[in-house]
Amino acid sequence: MLRNENSRHLAESEMVKLLDGKGFASFDYLKASFDKSNENALREKIKKDGFDGAITMRLIDVERERNYTLNSIGPNRWNPISFPNYYYRSWPNNQADGYYLTTKTFVVEIAIFSILEDKIIWTSETKTINPTGVDQMTKEISKVLYKRMVKEGFLKRKG
């Protein structure tokens, strides 16, 4: 459920790989000719085809935090010094140029649905901080999700 089609394919492919033959990516399962806006048709198709569950991942927020950092650090705070010494040693550091760092935190909602009971049976949110790309982010999220699903009994561990 990502806006970018390539990102969605990466996320689904990673999850399918971890499910070790027990899952299908929606882009392989729901062909272009299928009317994805018809909720009842989708419900009937997945029941008829014998699915017992569905996993969704949805990007729900990108939190940005901007922090200013000085280029240099002031005097050693563990070495007690007099006020004038501290003041004159610190003044140049406070005048030095610094830089801004922006931290991006991607918040993803994961939900597992029981197709047989037609209801949500598990949901969680996960956060990934400053991923180097969608590929890394989806791999991290998929691995965390897989481990939690095994731990909570939704899946049996591979091999």
N, C-alpha and C. Protein backbone atom coordinates (compact mmCIF):
# COMPACT_ATOMS: atom_id res chain seq x y z
N MET A 1 0.83 -1.18 0.00
CA MET A 1 0.00 0.00 0.00
C MET A 1 0.88 1.25 0.00
N LEU A 2 1.92 1.22 -0.82
CA LEU A 2 2.81 2.37 -0.96
C LEU A 2 2.45 3.11 -2.25
N ARG A 3 2.70 4.41 -2.26
CA ARG A 3 2.34 5.23 -3.42
C ARG A 3 3.14 4.85 -4.65
N ASN A 4 4.41 4.57 -4.48
CA ASN A 4 5.28 4.25 -5.59
C ASN A 4 5.18 2.76 -5.90
N GLU A 5 4.89 2.45 -7.15
CA GLU A 5 4.69 1.05 -7.57
C GLU A 5 5.95 0.21 -7.35
N ASN A 6 7.12 0.75 -7.65
CA ASN A 6 8.37 0.00 -7.45
C ASN A 6 8.59 -0.30 -5.97
N SER A 7 8.31 0.67 -5.11
CA SER A 7 8.45 0.47 -3.67
C SER A 7 7.51 -0.61 -3.18
N ARG A 8 6.30 -0.61 -3.69
CA ARG A 8 5.31 -1.62 -3.30
C ARG A 8 5.80 -3.00 -3.72
N HIS A 9 6.32 -3.11 -4.93
CA HIS A 9 6.82 -4.41 -5.41
C HIS A 9 7.98 -4.90 -4.55
N LEU A 10 8.89 -3.98 -4.18
CA LEU A 10 10.01 -4.36 -3.32
C LEU A 10 9.52 -4.88 -1.97
N ALA A 11 8.59 -4.16 -1.37
CA ALA A 11 8.07 -4.56 -0.05
C ALA A 11 7.38 -5.91 -0.12
N GLU A 12 6.52 -6.09 -1.10
CA GLU A 12 5.80 -7.35 -1.22
C GLU A 12 6.74 -8.51 -1.53
N SER A 13 7.70 -8.29 -2.41
CA SER A 13 8.65 -9.35 -2.77
C SER A 13 9.48 -9.79 -1.57
N GLU A 14 9.88 -8.83 -0.74
CA GLU A 14 10.67 -9.15 0.45
C GLU A 14 9.84 -9.99 1.43
N MET A 15 8.59 -9.63 1.61
CA MET A 15 7.74 -10.37 2.54
C MET A 15 7.47 -11.77 2.00
N VAL A 16 7.22 -11.90 0.71
CA VAL A 16 6.97 -13.22 0.10
C VAL A 16 8.20 -14.11 0.27
N LYS A 17 9.39 -13.52 0.09
CA LYS A 17 10.64 -14.28 0.25
C LYS A 17 10.74 -14.83 1.68
N LEU A 18 10.41 -14.01 2.66
CA LEU A 18 10.48 -14.46 4.06
C LEU A 18 9.41 -15.50 4.38
N LEU A 19 8.28 -15.45 3.69
CA LEU A 19 7.21 -16.42 3.94
C LEU A 19 7.51 -17.79 3.33
N ASP A 20 8.58 -17.88 2.56
CA ASP A 20 9.10 -19.16 2.07
C ASP A 20 8.03 -20.02 1.39
N GLY A 21 7.40 -19.46 0.36
CA GLY A 21 6.43 -20.22 -0.42
C GLY A 21 5.02 -20.22 0.14
N LYS A 22 4.78 -19.53 1.24
CA LYS A 22 3.45 -19.52 1.85
C LYS A 22 2.69 -18.23 1.54
N GLY A 23 3.19 -17.44 0.62
CA GLY A 23 2.52 -16.18 0.33
C GLY A 23 2.65 -15.79 -1.13
N PHE A 24 1.82 -14.85 -1.53
CA PHE A 24 1.83 -14.32 -2.88
C PHE A 24 1.83 -12.80 -2.81
N ALA A 25 2.55 -12.18 -3.72
CA ALA A 25 2.51 -10.72 -3.83
C ALA A 25 1.23 -10.34 -4.56
N SER A 26 0.60 -9.27 -4.10
CA SER A 26 -0.66 -8.86 -4.73
C SER A 26 -0.46 -8.50 -6.19
N PHE A 27 0.72 -7.99 -6.56
CA PHE A 27 0.94 -7.62 -7.96
C PHE A 27 1.03 -8.85 -8.87
N ASP A 28 1.35 -10.01 -8.31
CA ASP A 28 1.32 -11.26 -9.08
C ASP A 28 -0.07 -11.89 -9.06
N TYR A 29 -0.78 -11.69 -7.98
CA TYR A 29 -2.07 -12.34 -7.79
C TYR A 29 -3.22 -11.58 -8.46
N LEU A 30 -3.31 -10.30 -8.22
CA LEU A 30 -4.39 -9.49 -8.79
C LEU A 30 -3.92 -8.88 -10.10
N LYS A 31 -4.36 -9.47 -11.19
CA LYS A 31 -3.95 -9.00 -12.52
C LYS A 31 -4.56 -7.64 -12.82
N ALA A 32 -4.00 -6.96 -13.79
CA ALA A 32 -4.45 -5.61 -14.16
C ALA A 32 -5.93 -5.57 -14.52
N SER A 33 -6.46 -6.66 -15.04
CA SER A 33 -7.86 -6.69 -15.47
C SER A 33 -8.84 -6.78 -14.29
N PHE A 34 -8.34 -7.12 -13.10
CA PHE A 34 -9.21 -7.26 -11.94
C PHE A 34 -9.61 -5.87 -11.42
N ASP A 35 -10.89 -5.69 -11.13
CA ASP A 35 -11.41 -4.42 -10.63
C ASP A 35 -11.11 -4.33 -9.13
N LYS A 36 -10.00 -3.67 -8.77
CA LYS A 36 -9.56 -3.60 -7.38
C LYS A 36 -10.48 -2.73 -6.52
N SER A 37 -11.34 -1.95 -7.16
CA SER A 37 -12.26 -1.09 -6.40
C SER A 37 -13.50 -1.85 -5.94
N ASN A 38 -13.69 -3.08 -6.43
CA ASN A 38 -14.86 -3.88 -6.06
C ASN A 38 -14.52 -4.75 -4.85
N GLU A 39 -14.88 -4.26 -3.68
CA GLU A 39 -14.53 -4.94 -2.43
C GLU A 39 -15.12 -6.34 -2.35
N ASN A 40 -16.37 -6.51 -2.74
CA ASN A 40 -17.00 -7.83 -2.67
C ASN A 40 -16.35 -8.82 -3.62
N ALA A 41 -15.97 -8.37 -4.80
CA ALA A 41 -15.31 -9.26 -5.76
C ALA A 41 -13.97 -9.73 -5.21
N LEU A 42 -13.24 -8.82 -4.56
CA LEU A 42 -11.96 -9.19 -3.96
C LEU A 42 -12.18 -10.19 -2.83
N ARG A 43 -13.14 -9.92 -1.97
CA ARG A 43 -13.45 -10.82 -0.86
C ARG A 43 -13.77 -12.23 -1.37
N GLU A 44 -14.61 -12.33 -2.39
CA GLU A 44 -14.99 -13.63 -2.95
C GLU A 44 -13.81 -14.33 -3.61
N LYS A 45 -13.00 -13.58 -4.35
CA LYS A 45 -11.86 -14.18 -5.05
C LYS A 45 -10.87 -14.78 -4.07
N ILE A 46 -10.49 -14.06 -3.02
CA ILE A 46 -9.48 -14.60 -2.10
C ILE A 46 -10.03 -15.77 -1.28
N LYS A 47 -11.33 -15.74 -0.98
CA LYS A 47 -11.93 -16.90 -0.29
C LYS A 47 -11.96 -18.11 -1.22
N LYS A 48 -12.41 -17.89 -2.45
CA LYS A 48 -12.52 -18.98 -3.43
C LYS A 48 -11.16 -19.61 -3.71
N ASP A 49 -10.12 -18.81 -3.72
CA ASP A 49 -8.77 -19.30 -4.02
C ASP A 49 -8.08 -19.90 -2.80
N GLY A 50 -8.76 -19.96 -1.65
CA GLY A 50 -8.26 -20.68 -0.49
C GLY A 50 -7.30 -19.94 0.41
N PHE A 51 -7.23 -18.64 0.33
CA PHE A 51 -6.35 -17.89 1.23
C PHE A 51 -6.94 -17.87 2.62
N ASP A 52 -6.07 -17.95 3.62
CA ASP A 52 -6.55 -17.87 5.00
C ASP A 52 -6.19 -16.55 5.67
N GLY A 53 -5.25 -15.80 5.08
CA GLY A 53 -4.85 -14.53 5.68
C GLY A 53 -4.26 -13.58 4.67
N ALA A 54 -4.15 -12.34 5.09
CA ALA A 54 -3.52 -11.30 4.27
C ALA A 54 -2.72 -10.38 5.18
N ILE A 55 -1.59 -9.94 4.67
CA ILE A 55 -0.73 -9.01 5.39
C ILE A 55 -0.69 -7.72 4.58
N THR A 56 -0.90 -6.60 5.27
CA THR A 56 -0.76 -5.31 4.60
C THR A 56 0.28 -4.48 5.34
N MET A 57 1.00 -3.68 4.59
CA MET A 57 1.93 -2.70 5.14
C MET A 57 1.58 -1.37 4.50
N ARG A 58 1.45 -0.33 5.34
CA ARG A 58 1.02 0.97 4.84
C ARG A 58 1.86 2.06 5.48
N LEU A 59 2.46 2.90 4.66
CA LEU A 59 3.20 4.05 5.16
C LEU A 59 2.18 5.05 5.68
N ILE A 60 2.25 5.36 6.99
CA ILE A 60 1.26 6.27 7.55
C ILE A 60 1.83 7.63 7.92
N ASP A 61 3.16 7.74 8.02
CA ASP A 61 3.72 9.04 8.36
C ASP A 61 5.22 9.05 8.09
N VAL A 62 5.73 10.22 7.78
CA VAL A 62 7.17 10.45 7.74
C VAL A 62 7.42 11.63 8.68
N GLU A 63 8.04 11.33 9.81
CA GLU A 63 8.33 12.35 10.80
C GLU A 63 9.71 12.93 10.51
N ARG A 64 9.78 14.24 10.53
CA ARG A 64 11.05 14.92 10.29
C ARG A 64 11.43 15.72 11.53
N GLU A 65 12.68 15.56 11.96
CA GLU A 65 13.18 16.32 13.10
C GLU A 65 14.47 17.00 12.65
N ARG A 66 14.53 18.30 12.83
CA ARG A 66 15.70 19.08 12.41
C ARG A 66 16.43 19.58 13.64
N ASN A 67 17.72 19.26 13.74
CA ASN A 67 18.54 19.66 14.88
C ASN A 67 19.76 20.43 14.39
N TYR A 68 20.09 21.48 15.13
CA TYR A 68 21.27 22.28 14.83
C TYR A 68 22.44 21.76 15.65
N THR A 69 23.60 21.59 15.01
CA THR A 69 24.79 21.08 15.67
C THR A 69 25.94 22.05 15.43
N LEU A 70 26.65 22.39 16.49
CA LEU A 70 27.84 23.23 16.35
C LEU A 70 28.96 22.41 15.74
N ASN A 71 29.85 23.08 15.01
CA ASN A 71 30.99 22.39 14.40
C ASN A 71 32.00 21.93 15.43
N SER A 72 32.13 22.65 16.53
CA SER A 72 33.12 22.28 17.52
C SER A 72 32.48 22.19 18.89
N ILE A 73 33.17 21.51 19.77
CA ILE A 73 32.67 21.30 21.12
C ILE A 73 33.41 22.24 22.05
N GLY A 74 32.72 22.75 23.05
CA GLY A 74 33.32 23.68 24.01
C GLY A 74 34.36 23.01 24.88
N PRO A 75 34.80 23.72 25.92
CA PRO A 75 35.84 23.18 26.80
C PRO A 75 35.40 21.88 27.46
N ASN A 76 36.37 21.13 27.88
CA ASN A 76 36.11 19.85 28.54
C ASN A 76 35.31 20.11 29.82
N ARG A 77 34.08 19.62 29.85
CA ARG A 77 33.23 19.90 31.01
C ARG A 77 33.64 19.10 32.24
N TRP A 78 34.50 18.14 32.07
CA TRP A 78 34.93 17.34 33.22
C TRP A 78 36.16 17.94 33.90
N ASN A 79 36.72 18.96 33.28
CA ASN A 79 37.91 19.61 33.84
C ASN A 79 37.47 20.96 34.41
N PRO A 80 37.30 21.06 35.74
CA PRO A 80 36.81 22.31 36.31
C PRO A 80 37.78 23.45 36.01
N ILE A 81 37.22 24.55 35.56
CA ILE A 81 38.02 25.75 35.27
C ILE A 81 37.28 26.96 35.80
N SER A 82 37.96 28.08 35.84
CA SER A 82 37.34 29.31 36.35
C SER A 82 36.36 29.87 35.32
N PHE A 83 35.47 30.75 35.78
CA PHE A 83 34.49 31.35 34.89
C PHE A 83 35.16 32.10 33.73
N PRO A 84 36.14 32.99 33.99
CA PRO A 84 36.74 33.72 32.87
C PRO A 84 37.40 32.78 31.85
N ASN A 85 38.07 31.74 32.33
CA ASN A 85 38.70 30.78 31.45
C ASN A 85 37.64 30.08 30.60
N TYR A 86 36.57 29.65 31.24
CA TYR A 86 35.48 28.99 30.52
C TYR A 86 34.88 29.93 29.49
N TYR A 87 34.61 31.19 29.92
CA TYR A 87 33.95 32.16 29.05
C TYR A 87 34.79 32.41 27.79
N TYR A 88 36.06 32.67 27.94
CA TYR A 88 36.91 33.01 26.79
C TYR A 88 37.24 31.80 25.93
N ARG A 89 37.24 30.62 26.51
CA ARG A 89 37.45 29.41 25.72
C ARG A 89 36.19 29.02 24.96
N SER A 90 35.00 29.34 25.50
CA SER A 90 33.73 28.95 24.89
C SER A 90 33.24 29.95 23.85
N TRP A 91 33.56 31.21 24.02
CA TRP A 91 33.02 32.24 23.12
C TRP A 91 33.27 31.93 21.65
N PRO A 92 34.48 31.57 21.23
CA PRO A 92 34.70 31.29 19.80
C PRO A 92 33.86 30.11 19.31
N ASN A 93 33.63 29.12 20.17
CA ASN A 93 32.83 27.96 19.77
C ASN A 93 31.39 28.34 19.51
N ASN A 94 30.86 29.27 20.26
CA ASN A 94 29.48 29.70 20.07
C ASN A 94 29.34 30.56 18.82
N GLN A 95 30.43 31.11 18.32
CA GLN A 95 30.38 31.92 17.11
C GLN A 95 30.65 31.09 15.86
N ALA A 96 31.13 29.87 16.02
CA ALA A 96 31.47 29.02 14.87
C ALA A 96 30.20 28.57 14.15
N ASP A 97 30.36 28.42 12.85
CA ASP A 97 29.23 27.92 12.07
C ASP A 97 28.92 26.48 12.45
N GLY A 98 27.67 26.16 12.39
CA GLY A 98 27.23 24.80 12.63
C GLY A 98 26.49 24.30 11.41
N TYR A 99 25.71 23.28 11.61
CA TYR A 99 24.95 22.71 10.50
C TYR A 99 23.68 22.08 11.04
N TYR A 100 22.73 21.89 10.16
CA TYR A 100 21.48 21.25 10.51
C TYR A 100 21.49 19.81 10.02
N LEU A 101 20.99 18.94 10.85
CA LEU A 101 20.79 17.54 10.47
C LEU A 101 19.30 17.26 10.56
N THR A 102 18.77 16.63 9.53
CA THR A 102 17.36 16.26 9.53
C THR A 102 17.26 14.75 9.65
N THR A 103 16.53 14.31 10.64
CA THR A 103 16.28 12.88 10.84
C THR A 103 14.88 12.58 10.31
N LYS A 104 14.81 11.57 9.46
CA LYS A 104 13.51 11.14 8.94
C LYS A 104 13.15 9.79 9.55
N THR A 105 11.97 9.73 10.12
CA THR A 105 11.47 8.49 10.70
C THR A 105 10.22 8.08 9.92
N PHE A 106 10.29 6.91 9.30
CA PHE A 106 9.17 6.40 8.53
C PHE A 106 8.33 5.50 9.43
N VAL A 107 7.05 5.80 9.53
CA VAL A 107 6.13 5.03 10.37
C VAL A 107 5.26 4.18 9.46
N VAL A 108 5.32 2.88 9.67
CA VAL A 108 4.59 1.93 8.82
C VAL A 108 3.63 1.13 9.69
N GLU A 109 2.40 1.02 9.24
CA GLU A 109 1.39 0.21 9.92
C GLU A 109 1.34 -1.15 9.23
N ILE A 110 1.36 -2.20 10.04
CA ILE A 110 1.25 -3.57 9.53
C ILE A 110 -0.03 -4.15 10.11
N ALA A 111 -0.81 -4.79 9.25
CA ALA A 111 -2.04 -5.43 9.72
C ALA A 111 -2.12 -6.83 9.11
N ILE A 112 -2.60 -7.76 9.92
CA ILE A 112 -2.83 -9.14 9.45
C ILE A 112 -4.32 -9.39 9.57
N PHE A 113 -4.89 -9.88 8.49
CA PHE A 113 -6.31 -10.15 8.43
C PHE A 113 -6.57 -11.65 8.32
N SER A 114 -7.59 -12.12 9.00
CA SER A 114 -8.08 -13.48 8.83
C SER A 114 -9.10 -13.42 7.70
N ILE A 115 -8.82 -14.12 6.63
CA ILE A 115 -9.77 -14.17 5.51
C ILE A 115 -10.98 -15.02 5.91
N LEU A 116 -10.74 -16.11 6.64
CA LEU A 116 -11.82 -17.01 7.04
C LEU A 116 -12.82 -16.32 7.96
N GLU A 117 -12.31 -15.50 8.89
CA GLU A 117 -13.19 -14.80 9.83
C GLU A 117 -13.57 -13.40 9.34
N ASP A 118 -12.94 -12.96 8.25
CA ASP A 118 -13.18 -11.64 7.65
C ASP A 118 -13.01 -10.51 8.66
N LYS A 119 -11.85 -10.55 9.37
CA LYS A 119 -11.57 -9.49 10.34
C LYS A 119 -10.07 -9.36 10.54
N ILE A 120 -9.70 -8.22 11.11
CA ILE A 120 -8.30 -7.98 11.44
C ILE A 120 -7.97 -8.76 12.71
N ILE A 121 -6.81 -9.44 12.72
CA ILE A 121 -6.45 -10.24 13.89
C ILE A 121 -5.17 -9.75 14.57
N TRP A 122 -4.44 -8.84 13.91
CA TRP A 122 -3.20 -8.34 14.50
C TRP A 122 -2.81 -7.06 13.79
N THR A 123 -2.34 -6.10 14.54
CA THR A 123 -1.85 -4.85 13.94
C THR A 123 -0.70 -4.31 14.77
N SER A 124 0.17 -3.59 14.10
CA SER A 124 1.32 -3.01 14.77
C SER A 124 1.84 -1.84 13.95
N GLU A 125 2.61 -1.00 14.59
CA GLU A 125 3.32 0.06 13.88
C GLU A 125 4.80 -0.16 14.11
N THR A 126 5.58 0.18 13.11
CA THR A 126 7.02 0.09 13.24
C THR A 126 7.62 1.37 12.69
N LYS A 127 8.77 1.73 13.22
CA LYS A 127 9.45 2.95 12.78
C LYS A 127 10.84 2.58 12.28
N THR A 128 11.23 3.21 11.17
CA THR A 128 12.57 3.04 10.64
C THR A 128 13.19 4.43 10.54
N ILE A 129 14.36 4.59 11.12
CA ILE A 129 15.01 5.91 11.16
C ILE A 129 16.10 5.99 10.11
N ASN A 130 16.00 7.01 9.28
CA ASN A 130 16.98 7.32 8.24
C ASN A 130 17.40 6.11 7.39
N PRO A 131 16.47 5.40 6.80
CA PRO A 131 16.88 4.30 5.93
C PRO A 131 17.60 4.86 4.70
N THR A 132 18.51 4.08 4.15
CA THR A 132 19.24 4.56 2.97
C THR A 132 18.41 4.45 1.71
N GLY A 133 17.27 3.81 1.80
CA GLY A 133 16.38 3.70 0.64
C GLY A 133 15.21 2.80 0.97
N VAL A 134 14.27 2.73 0.05
CA VAL A 134 13.07 1.92 0.25
C VAL A 134 13.45 0.44 0.37
N ASP A 135 14.44 0.02 -0.38
CA ASP A 135 14.86 -1.39 -0.34
C ASP A 135 15.30 -1.77 1.07
N GLN A 136 16.17 -0.95 1.67
CA GLN A 136 16.63 -1.24 3.04
C GLN A 136 15.47 -1.18 4.01
N MET A 137 14.61 -0.17 3.87
CA MET A 137 13.49 -0.01 4.80
C MET A 137 12.56 -1.21 4.74
N THR A 138 12.22 -1.66 3.54
CA THR A 138 11.29 -2.78 3.44
C THR A 138 11.91 -4.08 3.93
N LYS A 139 13.22 -4.25 3.72
CA LYS A 139 13.89 -5.44 4.24
C LYS A 139 13.86 -5.45 5.77
N GLU A 140 14.17 -4.29 6.37
CA GLU A 140 14.17 -4.19 7.83
C GLU A 140 12.78 -4.48 8.39
N ILE A 141 11.77 -3.85 7.82
CA ILE A 141 10.41 -4.01 8.31
C ILE A 141 9.94 -5.44 8.12
N SER A 142 10.23 -6.02 6.96
CA SER A 142 9.81 -7.39 6.70
C SER A 142 10.45 -8.37 7.67
N LYS A 143 11.73 -8.19 7.96
CA LYS A 143 12.42 -9.09 8.90
C LYS A 143 11.85 -8.97 10.30
N VAL A 144 11.61 -7.74 10.74
CA VAL A 144 11.03 -7.52 12.07
C VAL A 144 9.64 -8.15 12.13
N LEU A 145 8.84 -7.92 11.11
CA LEU A 145 7.49 -8.48 11.05
C LEU A 145 7.53 -10.00 11.07
N TYR A 146 8.41 -10.58 10.27
CA TYR A 146 8.52 -12.05 10.23
C TYR A 146 8.88 -12.61 11.60
N LYS A 147 9.86 -12.01 12.26
CA LYS A 147 10.28 -12.50 13.58
C LYS A 147 9.15 -12.41 14.60
N ARG A 148 8.39 -11.30 14.56
CA ARG A 148 7.27 -11.16 15.50
C ARG A 148 6.17 -12.16 15.20
N MET A 149 5.92 -12.42 13.91
CA MET A 149 4.88 -13.39 13.54
C MET A 149 5.26 -14.79 14.00
N VAL A 150 6.54 -15.14 13.90
CA VAL A 150 7.01 -16.45 14.39
C VAL A 150 6.88 -16.50 15.91
N LYS A 151 7.34 -15.44 16.58
CA LYS A 151 7.31 -15.39 18.04
C LYS A 151 5.88 -15.50 18.57
N GLU A 152 4.94 -14.87 17.88
CA GLU A 152 3.55 -14.85 18.35
C GLU A 152 2.71 -15.99 17.77
N GLY A 153 3.36 -16.91 17.04
CA GLY A 153 2.67 -18.11 16.60
C GLY A 153 1.89 -18.02 15.30
N PHE A 154 2.02 -16.92 14.56
CA PHE A 154 1.33 -16.81 13.27
C PHE A 154 2.00 -17.64 12.20
N LEU A 155 3.31 -17.83 12.33
CA LEU A 155 4.09 -18.61 11.37
C LEU A 155 5.02 -19.55 12.10
N LYS A 156 5.41 -20.61 11.42
CA LYS A 156 6.46 -21.50 11.93
C LYS A 156 7.75 -21.08 11.28
N ARG A 157 8.84 -21.13 12.05
CA ARG A 157 10.17 -20.73 11.54
C ARG A 157 10.57 -21.61 10.38
N LYS A 158 11.23 -20.99 9.40
CA LYS A 158 11.75 -21.73 8.23
C LYS A 158 12.82 -22.71 8.67
N GLY A 159 12.89 -23.82 7.93
CA GLY A 159 13.96 -24.79 8.06
C GLY A 159 14.07 -25.31 9.41
